[in-house]
Amino acid sequence: MPMMAICHDALVVDGVVMRVVGGANVPMAYARVNATWPLAVLVLEGSRLSLRLRWPGRLFGARDLRVTADELMRVYPIQGFMSPGVGFTNRDGHDFYFWTYKGQQILETLRRSGYPISYTVEKPSKIWRGTL
């Protein structure tokens, strides 16, 4: 039976504060890969946030985002051509985009967990650019 508790108004199950399935656009070595729902998973476990693609996207060498609040420059809402979501910029300047309609809930959960949140909606700037 999983351990359950309430933390910062979020349900915590075995240390996982949040788990959301969606799409993503993430960097690779020299380009980016876009994955539609349900091929990306965003998880906040304890103080560590991860964004990873499921196996089809991983075949192309997509990078995972695995960070704590101190390792991110910013987290912000995004509005793509047809999909809203959440953008993440790490300290190396790489941008990761998570496509979801649950963006406001994600931003609030991350804010309560100490992540650097901006509420200014931005257009994703690195969707298909070949450079990271």
N, C-alpha and C. Protein backbone atom coordinates (compact mmCIF):
# COMPACT_ATOMS: atom_id res chain seq x y z
N MET A 1 0.84 -1.17 0.00
CA MET A 1 0.00 0.00 0.00
C MET A 1 0.89 1.24 0.00
N PRO A 2 0.69 2.20 -0.95
CA PRO A 2 1.52 3.39 -1.00
C PRO A 2 1.28 4.31 0.19
N MET A 3 2.35 4.99 0.64
CA MET A 3 2.24 5.98 1.69
C MET A 3 1.62 7.23 1.09
N MET A 4 0.60 7.80 1.75
CA MET A 4 -0.05 8.99 1.23
C MET A 4 -0.04 10.08 2.30
N ALA A 5 0.14 11.33 1.86
CA ALA A 5 0.08 12.48 2.75
C ALA A 5 -0.31 13.70 1.94
N ILE A 6 -0.75 14.75 2.63
CA ILE A 6 -1.05 16.01 1.96
C ILE A 6 0.10 16.96 2.25
N CYS A 7 0.64 17.58 1.18
CA CYS A 7 1.77 18.50 1.31
C CYS A 7 1.51 19.69 0.41
N HIS A 8 1.46 20.91 0.95
CA HIS A 8 1.26 22.12 0.15
C HIS A 8 0.02 22.00 -0.73
N ASP A 9 -1.06 21.50 -0.20
CA ASP A 9 -2.32 21.35 -0.93
C ASP A 9 -2.23 20.35 -2.09
N ALA A 10 -1.18 19.57 -2.18
CA ALA A 10 -1.07 18.58 -3.25
C ALA A 10 -1.05 17.19 -2.63
N LEU A 11 -1.59 16.24 -3.30
CA LEU A 11 -1.57 14.86 -2.84
C LEU A 11 -0.17 14.28 -3.07
N VAL A 12 0.41 13.70 -2.04
CA VAL A 12 1.73 13.11 -2.14
C VAL A 12 1.58 11.60 -1.98
N VAL A 13 2.04 10.84 -2.95
CA VAL A 13 2.00 9.39 -2.89
C VAL A 13 3.42 8.88 -3.04
N ASP A 14 3.95 8.22 -2.01
CA ASP A 14 5.33 7.72 -2.01
C ASP A 14 6.33 8.78 -2.44
N GLY A 15 6.20 10.01 -1.95
CA GLY A 15 7.14 11.08 -2.25
C GLY A 15 6.89 11.79 -3.57
N VAL A 16 5.97 11.31 -4.39
CA VAL A 16 5.67 11.96 -5.66
C VAL A 16 4.59 13.01 -5.42
N VAL A 17 4.94 14.28 -5.59
CA VAL A 17 4.02 15.38 -5.36
C VAL A 17 3.12 15.57 -6.58
N MET A 18 3.70 15.40 -7.77
CA MET A 18 2.95 15.66 -9.00
C MET A 18 3.48 14.75 -10.11
N ARG A 19 2.56 14.23 -10.91
CA ARG A 19 2.92 13.45 -12.10
C ARG A 19 1.89 13.77 -13.16
N VAL A 20 2.35 14.35 -14.28
CA VAL A 20 1.45 14.77 -15.35
C VAL A 20 1.95 14.19 -16.67
N VAL A 21 1.06 13.62 -17.44
CA VAL A 21 1.38 13.09 -18.77
C VAL A 21 0.96 14.13 -19.79
N GLY A 22 1.82 14.38 -20.77
CA GLY A 22 1.53 15.36 -21.82
C GLY A 22 2.44 15.16 -23.00
N GLY A 23 2.72 16.23 -23.70
CA GLY A 23 3.68 16.23 -24.80
C GLY A 23 4.88 17.07 -24.40
N ALA A 24 5.91 17.09 -25.25
CA ALA A 24 7.10 17.88 -24.93
C ALA A 24 7.89 18.19 -26.18
N ASN A 25 8.70 19.23 -26.07
CA ASN A 25 9.68 19.58 -27.08
C ASN A 25 10.97 19.79 -26.32
N VAL A 26 11.96 18.95 -26.58
CA VAL A 26 13.19 18.96 -25.79
C VAL A 26 14.42 18.94 -26.69
N PRO A 27 15.56 19.39 -26.16
CA PRO A 27 16.77 19.39 -26.97
C PRO A 27 17.38 18.01 -27.13
N MET A 28 18.08 17.87 -28.26
CA MET A 28 18.96 16.72 -28.51
C MET A 28 20.35 17.31 -28.69
N ALA A 29 21.29 16.57 -29.22
CA ALA A 29 22.65 17.07 -29.39
C ALA A 29 22.71 18.27 -30.35
N TYR A 30 22.05 18.19 -31.51
CA TYR A 30 22.14 19.26 -32.49
C TYR A 30 20.80 19.76 -33.00
N ALA A 31 19.72 19.28 -32.45
CA ALA A 31 18.38 19.68 -32.89
C ALA A 31 17.43 19.51 -31.72
N ARG A 32 16.15 19.41 -32.00
CA ARG A 32 15.14 19.21 -30.97
C ARG A 32 14.19 18.11 -31.43
N VAL A 33 13.50 17.51 -30.48
CA VAL A 33 12.49 16.52 -30.82
C VAL A 33 11.18 16.93 -30.17
N ASN A 34 10.10 16.77 -30.90
CA ASN A 34 8.77 17.09 -30.40
C ASN A 34 8.01 15.79 -30.21
N ALA A 35 7.39 15.62 -29.06
CA ALA A 35 6.59 14.42 -28.76
C ALA A 35 5.20 14.86 -28.35
N THR A 36 4.19 14.27 -28.94
CA THR A 36 2.82 14.61 -28.60
C THR A 36 2.34 13.78 -27.41
N TRP A 37 1.18 14.17 -26.86
CA TRP A 37 0.57 13.41 -25.77
C TRP A 37 0.32 12.00 -26.27
N PRO A 38 0.63 10.99 -25.52
CA PRO A 38 1.03 10.89 -24.13
C PRO A 38 2.51 10.51 -23.96
N LEU A 39 3.36 11.05 -24.79
CA LEU A 39 4.74 10.58 -24.84
C LEU A 39 5.72 11.31 -23.94
N ALA A 40 5.24 12.21 -23.09
CA ALA A 40 6.12 12.90 -22.15
C ALA A 40 5.53 12.83 -20.74
N VAL A 41 6.42 12.79 -19.75
CA VAL A 41 5.98 12.71 -18.35
C VAL A 41 6.75 13.74 -17.54
N LEU A 42 6.01 14.56 -16.80
CA LEU A 42 6.59 15.55 -15.89
C LEU A 42 6.31 15.07 -14.48
N VAL A 43 7.37 14.96 -13.66
CA VAL A 43 7.21 14.43 -12.30
C VAL A 43 7.95 15.34 -11.32
N LEU A 44 7.29 15.70 -10.23
CA LEU A 44 7.92 16.37 -9.10
C LEU A 44 7.94 15.36 -7.97
N GLU A 45 9.13 14.91 -7.61
CA GLU A 45 9.30 13.90 -6.56
C GLU A 45 10.22 14.49 -5.51
N GLY A 46 9.67 14.75 -4.32
CA GLY A 46 10.44 15.45 -3.31
C GLY A 46 10.76 16.84 -3.83
N SER A 47 12.05 17.19 -3.89
CA SER A 47 12.45 18.50 -4.42
C SER A 47 12.96 18.41 -5.86
N ARG A 48 12.95 17.21 -6.45
CA ARG A 48 13.50 17.01 -7.80
C ARG A 48 12.40 16.95 -8.84
N LEU A 49 12.60 17.75 -9.90
CA LEU A 49 11.68 17.80 -11.02
C LEU A 49 12.30 17.06 -12.21
N SER A 50 11.51 16.26 -12.89
CA SER A 50 12.02 15.60 -14.09
C SER A 50 10.99 15.70 -15.21
N LEU A 51 11.50 15.88 -16.42
CA LEU A 51 10.70 15.85 -17.64
C LEU A 51 11.42 14.89 -18.57
N ARG A 52 10.73 13.83 -18.94
CA ARG A 52 11.36 12.84 -19.82
C ARG A 52 10.35 12.37 -20.85
N LEU A 53 10.88 11.93 -21.97
CA LEU A 53 10.05 11.34 -22.99
C LEU A 53 9.97 9.85 -22.75
N ARG A 54 8.86 9.27 -23.13
CA ARG A 54 8.74 7.82 -23.08
C ARG A 54 9.54 7.22 -24.23
N TRP A 55 9.63 5.92 -24.33
CA TRP A 55 10.59 5.25 -25.20
C TRP A 55 10.61 5.69 -26.66
N PRO A 56 9.52 6.01 -27.35
CA PRO A 56 9.68 6.41 -28.76
C PRO A 56 10.55 7.65 -28.92
N GLY A 57 10.35 8.64 -28.07
CA GLY A 57 11.15 9.86 -28.15
C GLY A 57 12.59 9.66 -27.73
N ARG A 58 12.81 8.74 -26.83
CA ARG A 58 14.16 8.47 -26.35
C ARG A 58 15.02 7.83 -27.43
N LEU A 59 14.40 7.20 -28.42
CA LEU A 59 15.16 6.59 -29.51
C LEU A 59 15.95 7.63 -30.29
N PHE A 60 15.50 8.88 -30.26
CA PHE A 60 16.15 9.94 -31.03
C PHE A 60 17.21 10.69 -30.24
N GLY A 61 17.48 10.26 -29.03
CA GLY A 61 18.52 10.90 -28.22
C GLY A 61 18.05 12.15 -27.49
N ALA A 62 16.78 12.21 -27.17
CA ALA A 62 16.24 13.37 -26.45
C ALA A 62 16.86 13.46 -25.06
N ARG A 63 17.12 14.69 -24.63
CA ARG A 63 17.66 14.92 -23.29
C ARG A 63 16.53 14.94 -22.27
N ASP A 64 16.81 14.42 -21.11
CA ASP A 64 15.88 14.52 -19.98
C ASP A 64 16.21 15.78 -19.20
N LEU A 65 15.22 16.35 -18.57
CA LEU A 65 15.41 17.44 -17.63
C LEU A 65 15.27 16.85 -16.24
N ARG A 66 16.31 16.92 -15.45
CA ARG A 66 16.30 16.43 -14.06
C ARG A 66 16.98 17.49 -13.21
N VAL A 67 16.18 18.25 -12.47
CA VAL A 67 16.70 19.42 -11.76
C VAL A 67 16.03 19.62 -10.41
N THR A 68 16.66 20.45 -9.60
CA THR A 68 16.05 20.99 -8.39
C THR A 68 15.75 22.46 -8.68
N ALA A 69 15.09 23.15 -7.77
CA ALA A 69 14.72 24.55 -7.98
C ALA A 69 15.96 25.41 -8.23
N ASP A 70 17.07 25.13 -7.57
CA ASP A 70 18.29 25.92 -7.74
C ASP A 70 18.95 25.73 -9.09
N GLU A 71 18.60 24.67 -9.79
CA GLU A 71 19.22 24.38 -11.08
C GLU A 71 18.44 24.93 -12.28
N LEU A 72 17.33 25.59 -12.00
CA LEU A 72 16.53 26.20 -13.08
C LEU A 72 16.62 27.71 -12.99
N MET A 73 16.73 28.36 -14.15
CA MET A 73 16.70 29.82 -14.19
C MET A 73 15.27 30.32 -14.08
N ARG A 74 14.35 29.59 -14.76
CA ARG A 74 12.96 30.04 -14.72
C ARG A 74 12.02 28.95 -15.20
N VAL A 75 10.77 29.08 -14.77
CA VAL A 75 9.65 28.24 -15.19
C VAL A 75 8.55 29.22 -15.57
N TYR A 76 7.90 29.01 -16.73
CA TYR A 76 6.98 30.02 -17.24
C TYR A 76 5.91 29.39 -18.13
N PRO A 77 4.75 30.02 -18.22
CA PRO A 77 3.69 29.50 -19.11
C PRO A 77 4.05 29.79 -20.57
N ILE A 78 3.70 28.86 -21.45
CA ILE A 78 3.95 29.04 -22.88
C ILE A 78 2.66 28.82 -23.65
N GLN A 79 2.59 29.44 -24.81
CA GLN A 79 1.47 29.23 -25.72
C GLN A 79 2.05 28.95 -27.09
N GLY A 80 1.99 27.68 -27.50
CA GLY A 80 2.46 27.28 -28.82
C GLY A 80 1.41 27.59 -29.86
N PHE A 81 1.64 27.13 -31.07
CA PHE A 81 0.71 27.38 -32.17
C PHE A 81 -0.70 26.91 -31.82
N MET A 82 -0.80 25.70 -31.28
CA MET A 82 -2.11 25.16 -30.93
C MET A 82 -2.18 24.67 -29.49
N SER A 83 -1.04 24.58 -28.82
CA SER A 83 -1.02 23.96 -27.49
C SER A 83 -0.40 24.88 -26.45
N PRO A 84 -1.03 24.97 -25.28
CA PRO A 84 -0.40 25.66 -24.16
C PRO A 84 0.51 24.70 -23.41
N GLY A 85 1.29 25.26 -22.50
CA GLY A 85 2.15 24.40 -21.70
C GLY A 85 2.99 25.19 -20.73
N VAL A 86 4.11 24.57 -20.33
CA VAL A 86 5.03 25.16 -19.37
C VAL A 86 6.43 25.05 -19.94
N GLY A 87 7.18 26.14 -19.87
CA GLY A 87 8.57 26.15 -20.32
C GLY A 87 9.53 26.13 -19.14
N PHE A 88 10.67 25.51 -19.33
CA PHE A 88 11.71 25.42 -18.31
C PHE A 88 13.03 25.82 -18.94
N THR A 89 13.78 26.72 -18.31
CA THR A 89 15.11 27.09 -18.78
C THR A 89 16.09 26.70 -17.70
N ASN A 90 17.04 25.81 -18.05
CA ASN A 90 18.01 25.39 -17.05
C ASN A 90 19.20 26.34 -17.01
N ARG A 91 20.12 26.15 -16.10
CA ARG A 91 21.27 27.05 -15.92
C ARG A 91 22.21 27.04 -17.13
N ASP A 92 22.14 26.01 -17.96
CA ASP A 92 22.95 25.95 -19.18
C ASP A 92 22.29 26.71 -20.32
N GLY A 93 21.09 27.25 -20.11
CA GLY A 93 20.38 27.99 -21.13
C GLY A 93 19.55 27.14 -22.07
N HIS A 94 19.42 25.84 -21.79
CA HIS A 94 18.59 24.97 -22.61
C HIS A 94 17.13 25.11 -22.20
N ASP A 95 16.25 25.17 -23.19
CA ASP A 95 14.82 25.28 -22.95
C ASP A 95 14.14 23.94 -23.20
N PHE A 96 13.25 23.59 -22.28
CA PHE A 96 12.44 22.38 -22.37
C PHE A 96 10.99 22.83 -22.31
N TYR A 97 10.14 22.31 -23.19
CA TYR A 97 8.73 22.69 -23.23
C TYR A 97 7.87 21.46 -22.96
N PHE A 98 6.90 21.62 -22.05
CA PHE A 98 5.97 20.55 -21.72
C PHE A 98 4.58 21.01 -22.14
N TRP A 99 3.96 20.27 -23.07
CA TRP A 99 2.65 20.62 -23.61
C TRP A 99 1.55 20.03 -22.73
N THR A 100 0.70 20.90 -22.18
CA THR A 100 -0.38 20.45 -21.31
C THR A 100 -1.41 21.55 -21.13
N TYR A 101 -2.62 21.17 -20.82
CA TYR A 101 -3.66 22.13 -20.46
C TYR A 101 -3.70 22.34 -18.94
N LYS A 102 -2.80 21.72 -18.21
CA LYS A 102 -2.75 21.83 -16.75
C LYS A 102 -1.62 22.77 -16.30
N GLY A 103 -1.26 23.71 -17.15
CA GLY A 103 -0.13 24.60 -16.88
C GLY A 103 -0.24 25.38 -15.60
N GLN A 104 -1.41 25.97 -15.32
CA GLN A 104 -1.56 26.78 -14.11
C GLN A 104 -1.40 25.93 -12.85
N GLN A 105 -1.94 24.71 -12.86
CA GLN A 105 -1.78 23.82 -11.71
C GLN A 105 -0.31 23.46 -11.51
N ILE A 106 0.39 23.20 -12.61
CA ILE A 106 1.82 22.86 -12.53
C ILE A 106 2.61 24.05 -11.97
N LEU A 107 2.35 25.25 -12.49
CA LEU A 107 3.07 26.43 -12.01
C LEU A 107 2.83 26.66 -10.52
N GLU A 108 1.59 26.51 -10.06
CA GLU A 108 1.30 26.71 -8.64
C GLU A 108 1.97 25.66 -7.76
N THR A 109 1.96 24.41 -8.20
CA THR A 109 2.62 23.36 -7.43
C THR A 109 4.12 23.62 -7.36
N LEU A 110 4.73 24.01 -8.47
CA LEU A 110 6.17 24.29 -8.48
C LEU A 110 6.50 25.54 -7.67
N ARG A 111 5.65 26.55 -7.72
CA ARG A 111 5.87 27.76 -6.91
C ARG A 111 5.89 27.42 -5.43
N ARG A 112 4.94 26.60 -5.00
CA ARG A 112 4.89 26.19 -3.60
C ARG A 112 6.09 25.34 -3.20
N SER A 113 6.73 24.73 -4.20
CA SER A 113 7.92 23.91 -3.93
C SER A 113 9.22 24.70 -4.08
N GLY A 114 9.13 26.01 -4.32
CA GLY A 114 10.31 26.86 -4.34
C GLY A 114 10.95 27.08 -5.71
N TYR A 115 10.26 26.72 -6.78
CA TYR A 115 10.81 26.90 -8.13
C TYR A 115 10.61 28.35 -8.59
N PRO A 116 11.53 28.89 -9.40
CA PRO A 116 11.45 30.28 -9.87
C PRO A 116 10.40 30.43 -10.97
N ILE A 117 9.24 30.95 -10.62
CA ILE A 117 8.10 31.02 -11.53
C ILE A 117 7.92 32.43 -12.08
N SER A 118 7.65 32.51 -13.37
CA SER A 118 7.21 33.75 -14.02
C SER A 118 5.81 33.46 -14.55
N TYR A 119 4.92 34.43 -14.47
CA TYR A 119 3.56 34.21 -14.96
C TYR A 119 3.31 34.89 -16.30
N THR A 120 4.36 35.43 -16.91
CA THR A 120 4.24 36.05 -18.23
C THR A 120 4.23 34.95 -19.29
N VAL A 121 3.15 34.89 -20.06
CA VAL A 121 3.02 33.86 -21.10
C VAL A 121 3.96 34.21 -22.24
N GLU A 122 4.74 33.22 -22.68
CA GLU A 122 5.69 33.42 -23.76
C GLU A 122 5.41 32.47 -24.91
N LYS A 123 5.86 32.85 -26.07
CA LYS A 123 5.82 31.96 -27.23
C LYS A 123 7.12 31.16 -27.21
N PRO A 124 7.05 29.84 -27.33
CA PRO A 124 8.28 29.04 -27.32
C PRO A 124 9.19 29.47 -28.48
N SER A 125 10.43 29.79 -28.17
CA SER A 125 11.32 30.35 -29.18
C SER A 125 12.23 29.31 -29.83
N LYS A 126 12.32 28.14 -29.28
CA LYS A 126 13.28 27.16 -29.79
C LYS A 126 12.62 25.89 -30.30
N ILE A 127 11.41 25.98 -30.80
CA ILE A 127 10.67 24.80 -31.20
C ILE A 127 11.42 23.96 -32.24
N TRP A 128 11.78 24.52 -33.36
CA TRP A 128 12.41 23.72 -34.42
C TRP A 128 13.80 24.21 -34.78
N ARG A 129 14.36 25.12 -34.02
CA ARG A 129 15.68 25.64 -34.29
C ARG A 129 16.71 24.53 -34.17
N GLY A 130 17.68 24.50 -35.06
CA GLY A 130 18.69 23.43 -35.04
C GLY A 130 19.70 23.58 -33.94
N THR A 131 19.87 24.79 -33.41
CA THR A 131 20.82 24.98 -32.32
C THR A 131 20.09 24.97 -30.99
N LEU A 132 20.80 24.60 -29.96
CA LEU A 132 20.18 24.54 -28.64
C LEU A 132 20.28 25.89 -28.01
